[in-house]
Amino acid sequence: MAMTKFIQDGNVIDYAAAANVEYRDVVAFANRIGVACEPIAAGETGAVALTGVFEMPSVNTAISAGDAVYWDVNNKRITGTDTGNVPAGMCVATKASGTTVIRVRIG
């Protein structure tokens, strides 16, 4: 008898929203982030991507390609600081100081 049952590939998951989530909002889990693929009303279930490269708001300091990055839940932006923040993934294109947008591979 099989011990497992395939449900989905896991790149996009069903997410039960506790609060309203807008399309392309970052959804923070305990140890990773996802990006909403659609608006999800509180109490409803919708699709959240767990992999992919996304352009996101960020701190205005420089971050190099390949650096680990984190989601600052309070300020709703990517940072290079891990303390108190949720692991987000990896910076895929060097971001210059003074800019506030970054490309991140989540997952």
N, C-alpha and C. Protein backbone atom coordinates (compact mmCIF):
# COMPACT_ATOMS: atom_id res chain seq x y z
N MET A 1 0.83 -1.18 0.00
CA MET A 1 0.00 0.00 0.00
C MET A 1 0.89 1.25 0.00
N ALA A 2 0.54 2.22 -0.82
CA ALA A 2 1.32 3.45 -0.93
C ALA A 2 1.26 4.27 0.36
N MET A 3 2.41 4.87 0.70
CA MET A 3 2.47 5.69 1.91
C MET A 3 2.14 7.15 1.64
N THR A 4 2.18 7.56 0.37
CA THR A 4 1.94 8.95 0.04
C THR A 4 0.90 9.08 -1.04
N LYS A 5 0.41 10.29 -1.20
CA LYS A 5 -0.55 10.63 -2.26
C LYS A 5 -0.15 11.97 -2.84
N PHE A 6 0.12 12.03 -4.16
CA PHE A 6 0.50 13.27 -4.82
C PHE A 6 -0.69 14.24 -4.81
N ILE A 7 -0.46 15.48 -4.42
CA ILE A 7 -1.50 16.50 -4.37
C ILE A 7 -1.29 17.54 -5.46
N GLN A 8 -0.11 18.14 -5.53
CA GLN A 8 0.22 19.16 -6.52
C GLN A 8 1.72 19.34 -6.58
N ASP A 9 2.24 20.04 -7.60
CA ASP A 9 3.70 20.16 -7.72
C ASP A 9 4.31 21.09 -6.68
N GLY A 10 3.54 21.93 -6.06
CA GLY A 10 4.04 22.77 -4.98
C GLY A 10 4.58 24.11 -5.39
N ASN A 11 4.65 24.42 -6.68
CA ASN A 11 5.09 25.74 -7.11
C ASN A 11 4.05 26.80 -6.76
N VAL A 12 2.79 26.39 -6.83
CA VAL A 12 1.66 27.23 -6.43
C VAL A 12 0.82 26.38 -5.48
N ILE A 13 0.46 26.96 -4.34
CA ILE A 13 -0.32 26.21 -3.36
C ILE A 13 -1.66 26.89 -3.10
N ASP A 14 -2.57 26.14 -2.51
CA ASP A 14 -3.83 26.71 -2.03
C ASP A 14 -3.55 27.32 -0.67
N TYR A 15 -3.96 28.57 -0.50
CA TYR A 15 -3.68 29.31 0.73
C TYR A 15 -4.99 29.83 1.31
N ALA A 16 -5.25 29.49 2.57
CA ALA A 16 -6.43 29.98 3.27
C ALA A 16 -6.07 31.30 3.95
N ALA A 17 -6.65 32.38 3.47
CA ALA A 17 -6.30 33.72 3.96
C ALA A 17 -7.03 34.06 5.25
N ALA A 18 -6.28 34.52 6.24
CA ALA A 18 -6.87 34.98 7.50
C ALA A 18 -7.38 36.41 7.34
N ALA A 19 -6.76 37.17 6.46
CA ALA A 19 -7.15 38.55 6.16
C ALA A 19 -7.15 38.71 4.64
N ASN A 20 -7.75 39.79 4.15
CA ASN A 20 -7.77 40.04 2.71
C ASN A 20 -6.35 40.12 2.15
N VAL A 21 -6.14 39.49 1.01
CA VAL A 21 -4.85 39.51 0.32
C VAL A 21 -5.11 40.01 -1.09
N GLU A 22 -4.35 41.00 -1.52
CA GLU A 22 -4.50 41.55 -2.87
C GLU A 22 -3.63 40.77 -3.85
N TYR A 23 -3.98 40.84 -5.13
CA TYR A 23 -3.18 40.23 -6.19
C TYR A 23 -1.75 40.75 -6.11
N ARG A 24 -0.78 39.86 -6.13
CA ARG A 24 0.65 40.11 -6.07
C ARG A 24 1.15 40.59 -4.71
N ASP A 25 0.31 40.53 -3.67
CA ASP A 25 0.80 40.80 -2.32
C ASP A 25 1.76 39.70 -1.89
N VAL A 26 2.73 40.06 -1.05
CA VAL A 26 3.60 39.06 -0.45
C VAL A 26 2.86 38.44 0.73
N VAL A 27 2.89 37.13 0.79
CA VAL A 27 2.31 36.38 1.90
C VAL A 27 3.47 35.80 2.69
N ALA A 28 3.59 36.20 3.95
CA ALA A 28 4.69 35.74 4.79
C ALA A 28 4.26 34.52 5.60
N PHE A 29 5.04 33.46 5.46
CA PHE A 29 4.87 32.28 6.30
C PHE A 29 5.96 32.35 7.37
N ALA A 30 6.09 31.35 8.20
CA ALA A 30 7.09 31.38 9.27
C ALA A 30 8.51 31.42 8.73
N ASN A 31 8.80 30.65 7.67
CA ASN A 31 10.17 30.53 7.19
C ASN A 31 10.33 30.74 5.70
N ARG A 32 9.38 31.40 5.05
CA ARG A 32 9.46 31.68 3.62
C ARG A 32 8.33 32.63 3.25
N ILE A 33 8.37 33.10 2.01
CA ILE A 33 7.29 33.94 1.52
C ILE A 33 6.68 33.33 0.26
N GLY A 34 5.50 33.80 -0.07
CA GLY A 34 4.87 33.47 -1.33
C GLY A 34 4.30 34.75 -1.91
N VAL A 35 3.79 34.68 -3.13
CA VAL A 35 3.18 35.84 -3.79
C VAL A 35 1.79 35.42 -4.26
N ALA A 36 0.80 36.22 -3.89
CA ALA A 36 -0.58 35.91 -4.26
C ALA A 36 -0.77 35.99 -5.77
N CYS A 37 -1.34 34.94 -6.33
CA CYS A 37 -1.60 34.88 -7.77
C CYS A 37 -2.96 35.47 -8.13
N GLU A 38 -3.72 35.86 -7.12
CA GLU A 38 -5.07 36.39 -7.30
C GLU A 38 -5.48 37.07 -6.00
N PRO A 39 -6.53 37.92 -6.04
CA PRO A 39 -7.04 38.45 -4.78
C PRO A 39 -7.66 37.30 -3.98
N ILE A 40 -7.46 37.31 -2.65
CA ILE A 40 -8.03 36.27 -1.80
C ILE A 40 -8.74 36.97 -0.63
N ALA A 41 -10.03 36.78 -0.52
CA ALA A 41 -10.79 37.39 0.57
C ALA A 41 -10.52 36.63 1.87
N ALA A 42 -10.61 37.35 2.99
CA ALA A 42 -10.44 36.72 4.30
C ALA A 42 -11.39 35.54 4.42
N GLY A 43 -10.87 34.42 4.89
CA GLY A 43 -11.68 33.22 5.06
C GLY A 43 -11.81 32.37 3.81
N GLU A 44 -11.27 32.85 2.68
CA GLU A 44 -11.34 32.12 1.42
C GLU A 44 -9.98 31.50 1.12
N THR A 45 -9.95 30.63 0.13
CA THR A 45 -8.72 29.98 -0.31
C THR A 45 -8.38 30.43 -1.72
N GLY A 46 -7.10 30.73 -1.95
CA GLY A 46 -6.65 31.16 -3.26
C GLY A 46 -5.24 30.69 -3.53
N ALA A 47 -4.75 30.98 -4.72
CA ALA A 47 -3.44 30.52 -5.16
C ALA A 47 -2.32 31.46 -4.73
N VAL A 48 -1.24 30.87 -4.21
CA VAL A 48 -0.04 31.61 -3.82
C VAL A 48 1.17 30.90 -4.41
N ALA A 49 1.99 31.64 -5.16
CA ALA A 49 3.21 31.10 -5.77
C ALA A 49 4.30 31.01 -4.71
N LEU A 50 5.01 29.88 -4.70
CA LEU A 50 6.13 29.68 -3.78
C LEU A 50 7.47 29.69 -4.49
N THR A 51 7.46 29.77 -5.82
CA THR A 51 8.68 29.83 -6.61
C THR A 51 8.52 30.87 -7.70
N GLY A 52 9.64 31.31 -8.22
CA GLY A 52 9.63 32.27 -9.32
C GLY A 52 10.46 33.48 -8.98
N VAL A 53 10.66 34.34 -9.98
CA VAL A 53 11.39 35.60 -9.80
C VAL A 53 10.38 36.73 -9.86
N PHE A 54 10.41 37.58 -8.85
CA PHE A 54 9.47 38.68 -8.74
C PHE A 54 10.22 39.98 -8.46
N GLU A 55 9.71 41.07 -8.99
CA GLU A 55 10.21 42.40 -8.67
C GLU A 55 9.44 42.87 -7.45
N MET A 56 10.17 43.33 -6.43
CA MET A 56 9.57 43.68 -5.15
C MET A 56 10.14 44.99 -4.62
N PRO A 57 9.39 45.63 -3.71
CA PRO A 57 9.94 46.82 -3.05
C PRO A 57 11.08 46.41 -2.12
N SER A 58 12.04 47.30 -1.95
CA SER A 58 13.20 46.97 -1.12
C SER A 58 13.74 48.19 -0.40
N VAL A 59 14.64 47.93 0.54
CA VAL A 59 15.39 49.00 1.19
C VAL A 59 16.24 49.68 0.12
N ASN A 60 16.75 50.88 0.41
CA ASN A 60 17.50 51.62 -0.62
C ASN A 60 19.00 51.36 -0.58
N THR A 61 19.44 50.33 0.15
CA THR A 61 20.86 49.99 0.17
C THR A 61 21.19 49.00 -0.94
N ALA A 62 22.45 48.89 -1.28
CA ALA A 62 22.89 47.97 -2.34
C ALA A 62 22.76 46.52 -1.87
N ILE A 63 22.34 45.65 -2.78
CA ILE A 63 22.29 44.21 -2.53
C ILE A 63 22.83 43.54 -3.78
N SER A 64 23.75 42.61 -3.59
CA SER A 64 24.40 41.95 -4.73
C SER A 64 23.64 40.72 -5.19
N ALA A 65 23.75 40.43 -6.48
CA ALA A 65 23.18 39.21 -7.02
C ALA A 65 23.77 38.02 -6.27
N GLY A 66 22.93 37.09 -5.89
CA GLY A 66 23.36 35.93 -5.14
C GLY A 66 23.19 36.05 -3.64
N ASP A 67 23.01 37.28 -3.15
CA ASP A 67 22.82 37.47 -1.71
C ASP A 67 21.47 36.94 -1.26
N ALA A 68 21.44 36.35 -0.07
CA ALA A 68 20.17 35.97 0.56
C ALA A 68 19.44 37.25 0.95
N VAL A 69 18.12 37.25 0.78
CA VAL A 69 17.31 38.41 1.14
C VAL A 69 16.13 37.97 1.99
N TYR A 70 15.53 38.94 2.67
CA TYR A 70 14.51 38.68 3.68
C TYR A 70 13.36 39.65 3.52
N TRP A 71 12.16 39.22 3.93
CA TRP A 71 10.97 40.06 3.86
C TRP A 71 10.76 40.71 5.22
N ASP A 72 10.76 42.05 5.23
CA ASP A 72 10.48 42.84 6.43
C ASP A 72 8.96 43.00 6.49
N VAL A 73 8.30 42.22 7.33
CA VAL A 73 6.84 42.20 7.41
C VAL A 73 6.30 43.56 7.82
N ASN A 74 6.95 44.24 8.75
CA ASN A 74 6.46 45.52 9.25
C ASN A 74 6.51 46.63 8.20
N ASN A 75 7.59 46.66 7.41
CA ASN A 75 7.77 47.72 6.41
C ASN A 75 7.41 47.28 4.99
N LYS A 76 7.03 46.00 4.85
CA LYS A 76 6.60 45.44 3.56
C LYS A 76 7.61 45.69 2.44
N ARG A 77 8.84 45.20 2.69
CA ARG A 77 9.90 45.35 1.69
C ARG A 77 11.00 44.33 1.94
N ILE A 78 11.80 44.13 0.91
CA ILE A 78 12.95 43.22 0.98
C ILE A 78 14.13 43.94 1.62
N THR A 79 14.88 43.20 2.42
CA THR A 79 16.07 43.71 3.07
C THR A 79 17.15 42.63 3.06
N GLY A 80 18.37 43.03 3.28
CA GLY A 80 19.46 42.07 3.41
C GLY A 80 19.67 41.63 4.84
N THR A 81 18.87 42.13 5.76
CA THR A 81 18.99 41.84 7.19
C THR A 81 18.11 40.67 7.59
N ASP A 82 18.72 39.64 8.14
CA ASP A 82 17.93 38.47 8.52
C ASP A 82 17.22 38.60 9.86
N THR A 83 17.80 39.32 10.81
CA THR A 83 17.25 39.42 12.16
C THR A 83 15.83 39.98 12.15
N GLY A 84 14.89 39.19 12.64
CA GLY A 84 13.52 39.63 12.76
C GLY A 84 12.72 39.61 11.47
N ASN A 85 13.30 39.10 10.40
CA ASN A 85 12.63 39.09 9.10
C ASN A 85 12.46 37.66 8.59
N VAL A 86 11.61 37.49 7.58
CA VAL A 86 11.28 36.17 7.03
C VAL A 86 12.17 35.89 5.81
N PRO A 87 12.82 34.73 5.75
CA PRO A 87 13.61 34.40 4.56
C PRO A 87 12.76 34.52 3.29
N ALA A 88 13.28 35.25 2.30
CA ALA A 88 12.52 35.49 1.07
C ALA A 88 13.11 34.76 -0.12
N GLY A 89 14.40 34.57 -0.15
CA GLY A 89 15.03 33.92 -1.30
C GLY A 89 16.38 34.54 -1.60
N MET A 90 16.63 34.77 -2.91
CA MET A 90 17.93 35.25 -3.36
C MET A 90 17.75 36.40 -4.35
N CYS A 91 18.59 37.42 -4.20
CA CYS A 91 18.64 38.52 -5.15
C CYS A 91 19.22 37.97 -6.46
N VAL A 92 18.55 38.23 -7.60
CA VAL A 92 19.02 37.67 -8.87
C VAL A 92 19.69 38.70 -9.78
N ALA A 93 19.58 39.98 -9.44
CA ALA A 93 20.24 41.04 -10.22
C ALA A 93 20.71 42.10 -9.24
N THR A 94 22.00 42.44 -9.28
CA THR A 94 22.54 43.42 -8.34
C THR A 94 21.69 44.67 -8.32
N LYS A 95 21.37 45.12 -7.11
CA LYS A 95 20.54 46.31 -6.89
C LYS A 95 21.44 47.42 -6.32
N ALA A 96 21.46 48.54 -7.00
CA ALA A 96 22.30 49.67 -6.58
C ALA A 96 21.70 50.39 -5.38
N SER A 97 22.57 51.01 -4.61
CA SER A 97 22.14 51.86 -3.51
C SER A 97 21.30 53.01 -4.07
N GLY A 98 20.25 53.37 -3.36
CA GLY A 98 19.39 54.47 -3.79
C GLY A 98 18.17 54.01 -4.58
N THR A 99 18.17 52.76 -5.05
CA THR A 99 17.00 52.23 -5.74
C THR A 99 16.15 51.45 -4.74
N THR A 100 14.86 51.37 -4.97
CA THR A 100 13.97 50.72 -4.02
C THR A 100 13.16 49.58 -4.63
N VAL A 101 13.71 48.98 -5.68
CA VAL A 101 13.08 47.80 -6.32
C VAL A 101 14.17 46.76 -6.51
N ILE A 102 13.82 45.50 -6.26
CA ILE A 102 14.78 44.41 -6.36
C ILE A 102 14.11 43.20 -7.03
N ARG A 103 14.91 42.39 -7.72
CA ARG A 103 14.41 41.15 -8.29
C ARG A 103 14.85 39.99 -7.39
N VAL A 104 13.85 39.22 -6.96
CA VAL A 104 14.09 38.15 -6.00
C VAL A 104 13.56 36.84 -6.53
N ARG A 105 14.38 35.80 -6.43
CA ARG A 105 13.89 34.44 -6.69
C ARG A 105 13.43 33.91 -5.36
N ILE A 106 12.12 33.71 -5.24
CA ILE A 106 11.58 33.17 -4.01
C ILE A 106 11.63 31.65 -4.06
N GLY A 107 11.55 31.06 -2.90
CA GLY A 107 11.50 29.59 -2.84
C GLY A 107 12.71 29.00 -2.20
